[in-house]
N, C-alpha and C. Protein backbone atom coordinates (compact mmCIF):
# COMPACT_ATOMS: atom_id res chain seq x y z
N GLY A 1 135.11 149.36 131.92
CA GLY A 1 135.71 148.38 133.10
C GLY A 1 137.70 149.31 132.35
N LYS A 2 139.15 148.72 132.63
CA LYS A 2 140.32 148.87 132.50
C LYS A 2 140.62 148.27 131.32
N LYS A 3 141.14 149.23 130.24
CA LYS A 3 141.65 148.86 129.41
C LYS A 3 143.24 148.41 129.06
N VAL A 4 143.11 147.30 128.59
CA VAL A 4 144.59 146.99 128.74
C VAL A 4 145.29 146.35 127.03
N MET A 5 146.40 146.97 127.19
CA MET A 5 147.34 146.43 125.46
C MET A 5 148.01 145.39 125.55
N LYS A 6 148.00 144.02 124.86
CA LYS A 6 149.15 143.10 125.43
C LYS A 6 149.97 142.28 124.27
N PHE A 7 150.72 142.08 123.96
CA PHE A 7 151.44 141.81 122.28
C PHE A 7 151.67 140.69 123.19
N MET A 8 151.85 139.38 121.94
CA MET A 8 152.45 138.39 121.94
C MET A 8 153.99 138.24 121.34
N LEU A 9 154.42 137.47 122.00
CA LEU A 9 156.38 138.37 121.05
C LEU A 9 156.52 137.21 120.83
N PRO A 10 157.63 136.61 119.82
CA PRO A 10 157.77 135.80 118.60
C PRO A 10 158.24 133.89 119.40
N ALA A 11 158.16 133.56 118.92
CA ALA A 11 159.18 132.28 119.32
C ALA A 11 160.21 132.33 120.08
N GLU A 12 160.98 132.83 119.62
CA GLU A 12 162.33 132.92 120.29
C GLU A 12 163.08 133.41 121.04
N TYR A 13 161.79 134.13 121.83
CA TYR A 13 161.26 134.29 123.17
C TYR A 13 160.73 133.29 124.12
N ASP A 14 161.69 132.17 124.34
CA ASP A 14 161.26 131.26 124.84
C ASP A 14 161.24 131.52 126.74
N SER A 15 161.79 132.23 127.25
CA SER A 15 161.68 132.27 128.34
C SER A 15 162.02 134.03 129.12
N MET A 16 161.69 134.12 129.58
CA MET A 16 161.46 135.50 130.65
C MET A 16 162.74 136.30 130.77
N ASP A 17 163.77 135.50 130.76
CA ASP A 17 164.96 136.30 130.85
C ASP A 17 165.28 136.67 129.93
N LYS A 18 165.02 135.96 128.15
CA LYS A 18 165.48 136.59 126.84
C LYS A 18 164.73 138.50 126.21
N ILE A 19 163.70 138.11 127.74
CA ILE A 19 163.12 139.20 126.70
C ILE A 19 163.62 140.97 127.53
N PRO A 20 163.66 142.25 126.17
CA PRO A 20 164.01 143.42 126.83
C PRO A 20 163.36 143.48 128.27
N LYS A 21 164.08 144.14 128.91
CA LYS A 21 163.53 144.87 129.94
C LYS A 21 162.43 146.43 129.67
N PRO A 22 161.74 147.02 129.69
CA PRO A 22 160.70 147.55 128.94
C PRO A 22 161.86 149.15 129.92
N LEU A 23 161.07 150.06 128.92
CA LEU A 23 162.33 151.43 129.79
C LEU A 23 161.41 152.06 130.20
N ASN A 24 160.35 151.68 130.07
CA ASN A 24 159.15 152.64 130.50
C ASN A 24 158.39 152.04 131.46
N PRO A 25 157.86 152.58 132.77
CA PRO A 25 157.92 151.97 134.24
C PRO A 25 156.56 151.52 134.21
N ALA A 26 155.54 152.19 132.86
CA ALA A 26 154.66 151.78 132.56
C ALA A 26 154.45 150.43 132.41
N VAL A 27 155.35 150.09 131.84
CA VAL A 27 155.19 148.78 131.00
C VAL A 27 155.36 147.64 131.47
N HIS A 28 154.88 146.45 131.30
CA HIS A 28 154.85 145.27 132.09
C HIS A 28 155.35 144.07 131.66
N ILE A 29 155.97 143.24 131.87
CA ILE A 29 155.96 142.29 131.21
C ILE A 29 155.13 141.11 131.88
N GLU A 30 154.71 139.93 131.51
CA GLU A 30 153.97 138.93 132.18
C GLU A 30 153.79 137.86 131.57
N GLU A 31 154.28 137.25 131.96
CA GLU A 31 153.86 135.46 131.02
C GLU A 31 152.25 135.32 131.55
N ILE A 32 151.64 134.59 130.67
CA ILE A 32 150.52 134.37 130.84
C ILE A 32 150.21 132.45 130.26
N PRO A 33 150.17 132.09 131.48
CA PRO A 33 149.31 130.39 131.27
C PRO A 33 148.32 130.30 130.19
N SER A 34 148.50 129.18 129.61
CA SER A 34 148.18 128.69 128.27
C SER A 34 146.60 128.83 128.89
N GLN A 35 145.77 129.09 127.87
CA GLN A 35 144.33 128.85 128.65
C GLN A 35 143.20 128.52 127.28
N LEU A 36 142.34 128.32 127.11
CA LEU A 36 141.40 127.72 126.41
C LEU A 36 140.30 128.26 126.40
N GLY A 37 139.52 129.19 125.28
CA GLY A 37 138.70 129.51 125.07
C GLY A 37 138.06 129.86 123.50
N ALA A 38 136.99 129.94 123.35
CA ALA A 38 136.56 130.19 121.72
C ALA A 38 136.56 131.70 121.55
N VAL A 39 136.45 131.61 119.98
CA VAL A 39 136.82 132.74 119.61
C VAL A 39 135.83 133.13 118.44
N HIS A 40 134.78 135.11 118.16
CA HIS A 40 134.01 135.09 117.40
C HIS A 40 134.75 135.91 116.56
N ARG A 41 135.18 135.86 115.30
CA ARG A 41 135.88 136.92 114.62
C ARG A 41 134.81 137.96 113.92
N TYR A 42 135.39 138.53 113.18
CA TYR A 42 134.49 140.02 112.65
C TYR A 42 135.29 140.78 111.58
N ASN A 43 135.15 141.39 111.26
CA ASN A 43 135.39 142.39 110.51
C ASN A 43 134.92 144.23 110.37
N GLY A 44 135.45 145.26 109.96
CA GLY A 44 134.53 146.42 110.09
C GLY A 44 135.58 147.22 111.46
N LYS A 45 134.32 148.25 111.55
CA LYS A 45 134.99 149.56 113.13
C LYS A 45 134.39 148.65 114.36
N TYR A 46 135.01 148.81 114.97
CA TYR A 46 134.59 148.23 116.60
C TYR A 46 134.87 149.41 117.47
N ASN A 47 134.28 149.14 118.45
CA ASN A 47 133.51 150.15 118.98
C ASN A 47 133.16 149.04 120.18
N ASP A 48 133.33 149.94 121.80
CA ASP A 48 132.76 148.73 122.45
C ASP A 48 131.63 148.38 122.76
N GLU A 49 129.92 148.75 122.19
CA GLU A 49 128.81 148.40 121.74
C GLU A 49 128.96 147.59 121.07
N ARG A 50 129.46 147.51 119.52
CA ARG A 50 129.93 146.32 118.72
C ARG A 50 130.76 145.48 119.32
N ASN A 51 131.34 145.53 119.97
CA ASN A 51 132.14 144.39 120.69
C ASN A 51 131.55 143.47 121.71
N ARG A 52 131.05 144.25 122.19
CA ARG A 52 129.61 143.98 123.11
C ARG A 52 128.57 142.59 122.56
N HIS A 53 128.32 143.56 121.69
CA HIS A 53 127.20 142.30 120.65
C HIS A 53 127.47 141.18 119.83
N HIS A 54 128.89 141.01 119.49
CA HIS A 54 129.56 140.38 118.86
C HIS A 54 129.68 139.19 120.55
N ALA A 55 130.39 139.66 121.69
CA ALA A 55 130.47 138.90 122.20
C ALA A 55 129.34 137.59 123.04
N MET A 56 128.05 138.78 122.91
CA MET A 56 126.82 138.50 122.61
C MET A 56 126.64 137.39 122.08
N LEU A 57 126.58 137.28 121.14
CA LEU A 57 126.47 136.56 119.94
C LEU A 57 127.16 135.18 119.77
N LEU A 58 128.79 135.51 120.63
CA LEU A 58 129.64 134.44 120.72
C LEU A 58 128.70 133.20 122.13
N GLY A 59 128.15 134.40 123.02
CA GLY A 59 127.79 133.81 124.63
C GLY A 59 126.78 132.75 123.87
N GLN A 60 125.71 133.48 122.86
CA GLN A 60 124.89 132.26 122.67
C GLN A 60 125.11 131.20 121.59
N GLN A 61 126.09 131.67 120.96
CA GLN A 61 126.63 130.15 120.12
C GLN A 61 127.23 129.38 121.13
N LEU A 62 127.59 129.58 122.03
CA LEU A 62 128.06 128.76 123.35
C LEU A 62 126.58 127.93 123.48
N ILE A 63 126.14 128.71 125.09
CA ILE A 63 124.81 128.02 125.30
C ILE A 63 124.01 127.44 124.01
N ALA A 64 123.71 127.53 122.68
CA ALA A 64 123.61 126.79 122.16
C ALA A 64 124.37 125.28 121.75
N ASP A 65 125.39 126.00 121.86
CA ASP A 65 126.38 124.29 121.11
C ASP A 65 126.26 123.47 122.53
N GLY A 66 125.69 123.95 123.54
CA GLY A 66 125.41 123.02 124.74
C GLY A 66 126.73 123.22 126.49
N VAL A 67 128.09 124.40 125.62
CA VAL A 67 128.65 124.64 126.28
C VAL A 67 128.25 124.97 128.02
N GLN A 68 128.80 123.86 128.72
CA GLN A 68 128.52 124.41 130.22
C GLN A 68 129.00 125.86 130.79
N ASN A 69 128.46 125.80 131.71
CA ASN A 69 128.71 127.34 132.43
C ASN A 69 128.67 128.34 131.90
N ILE A 70 128.70 128.60 130.15
CA ILE A 70 128.11 130.44 130.03
C ILE A 70 126.87 130.56 130.11
N THR A 71 126.69 131.91 130.28
CA THR A 71 125.55 132.89 130.19
C THR A 71 125.69 133.80 129.28
N GLU A 72 124.99 134.61 128.38
CA GLU A 72 124.95 135.92 127.89
C GLU A 72 125.95 136.59 128.76
N GLU A 73 125.32 136.93 130.08
CA GLU A 73 125.60 137.59 131.09
C GLU A 73 127.48 137.29 131.13
N TYR A 74 127.95 135.93 131.51
CA TYR A 74 128.79 135.78 131.69
C TYR A 74 129.91 135.84 130.49
N ALA A 75 129.36 135.72 129.14
CA ALA A 75 130.21 136.48 127.91
C ALA A 75 130.80 138.17 127.90
N LEU A 76 129.32 138.00 128.90
CA LEU A 76 129.37 140.32 128.46
C LEU A 76 130.36 140.57 129.86
N ASP A 77 129.89 140.08 130.34
CA ASP A 77 131.44 140.38 131.89
C ASP A 77 132.83 140.02 131.35
N HIS A 78 133.18 138.39 130.77
CA HIS A 78 134.19 138.04 131.28
C HIS A 78 134.94 137.62 129.18
N TYR A 79 134.38 138.46 128.41
CA TYR A 79 135.51 138.76 127.43
C TYR A 79 136.49 139.42 127.00
N GLN A 80 137.28 139.25 125.90
CA GLN A 80 138.45 140.11 125.54
C GLN A 80 138.09 140.34 124.11
N PHE A 81 138.56 141.70 123.75
CA PHE A 81 138.34 142.00 122.46
C PHE A 81 140.38 142.01 121.87
N TRP A 82 140.10 141.42 120.67
CA TRP A 82 141.18 141.38 119.92
C TRP A 82 141.35 141.85 118.93
N GLY A 83 142.27 143.03 118.35
CA GLY A 83 142.07 143.71 117.19
C GLY A 83 143.88 143.71 116.70
N TYR A 84 143.59 143.01 115.51
CA TYR A 84 145.28 142.64 115.10
C TYR A 84 145.52 143.98 113.94
N ASN A 85 144.86 144.64 113.58
CA ASN A 85 145.32 146.03 112.22
C ASN A 85 145.10 147.46 112.77
N PRO A 86 146.45 148.28 112.12
CA PRO A 86 146.70 149.70 112.35
C PRO A 86 145.75 149.83 112.46
N PRO A 87 144.81 151.79 112.96
CA PRO A 87 143.89 152.29 113.24
C PRO A 87 143.70 152.49 111.28
N PHE A 88 144.56 152.72 110.58
CA PHE A 88 144.01 153.51 109.06
C PHE A 88 144.07 152.00 108.19
N THR A 89 144.00 151.20 108.71
CA THR A 89 143.22 150.20 107.47
C THR A 89 141.70 149.69 107.70
N ILE A 90 141.26 149.81 105.85
CA ILE A 90 139.77 150.45 105.88
C ILE A 90 139.15 149.55 106.59
N PRO A 91 138.08 149.70 107.21
CA PRO A 91 137.80 148.87 108.06
C PRO A 91 136.64 147.30 107.73
N TYR A 92 137.09 147.16 106.45
CA TYR A 92 135.89 146.20 106.12
C TYR A 92 137.45 145.32 105.83
N PHE A 93 138.91 145.37 105.87
CA PHE A 93 139.83 144.80 105.86
C PHE A 93 140.38 144.28 107.42
N ARG A 94 139.85 144.86 107.97
CA ARG A 94 140.04 144.57 109.99
C ARG A 94 139.83 143.08 109.93
N ARG A 95 140.73 142.46 111.16
CA ARG A 95 140.25 141.53 111.48
C ARG A 95 140.35 142.04 113.16
N ASN A 96 139.03 141.58 113.64
CA ASN A 96 138.42 141.93 115.07
C ASN A 96 137.81 140.58 115.44
N GLU A 97 138.20 140.33 116.47
CA GLU A 97 137.94 138.69 117.25
C GLU A 97 137.83 139.87 119.05
N VAL A 98 136.19 138.64 119.19
CA VAL A 98 136.41 138.92 120.69
C VAL A 98 136.06 137.52 121.07
N TRP A 99 136.83 137.00 122.57
CA TRP A 99 137.89 135.99 122.52
C TRP A 99 136.73 135.61 124.10
N ILE A 100 136.95 134.39 124.39
CA ILE A 100 135.60 134.19 125.98
C ILE A 100 136.33 133.22 126.44
N GLN A 101 136.90 132.93 127.63
CA GLN A 101 138.12 132.10 128.28
C GLN A 101 136.91 130.52 128.75
N LEU A 102 137.28 129.38 128.44
CA LEU A 102 136.61 128.01 128.83
C LEU A 102 136.94 127.03 130.03
N THR A 103 138.23 128.07 130.54
CA THR A 103 138.62 126.96 131.37
C THR A 103 138.88 127.35 132.27
């Protein structure tokens, strides 16, 4: 699928009017409504295969916990990878997460 990079802005940008306008026309500012989801956190290297593996583990745990309307297929088709560290971070110290929307 298409890869998208997102950034969370500090609390001082509490309205769309306060956000500086991007100079690059390929950059878009978008307000995303609150969502409820589940996260599986892991460290180490990441790639599409490893992210999918952890999304599947999260999906399996949600199924085991009795969360309704979750299947492994849904988890694999709807997860988001969230990475928090610069590429030069030693893999063991990287914080990686896969997130699945529940609402």
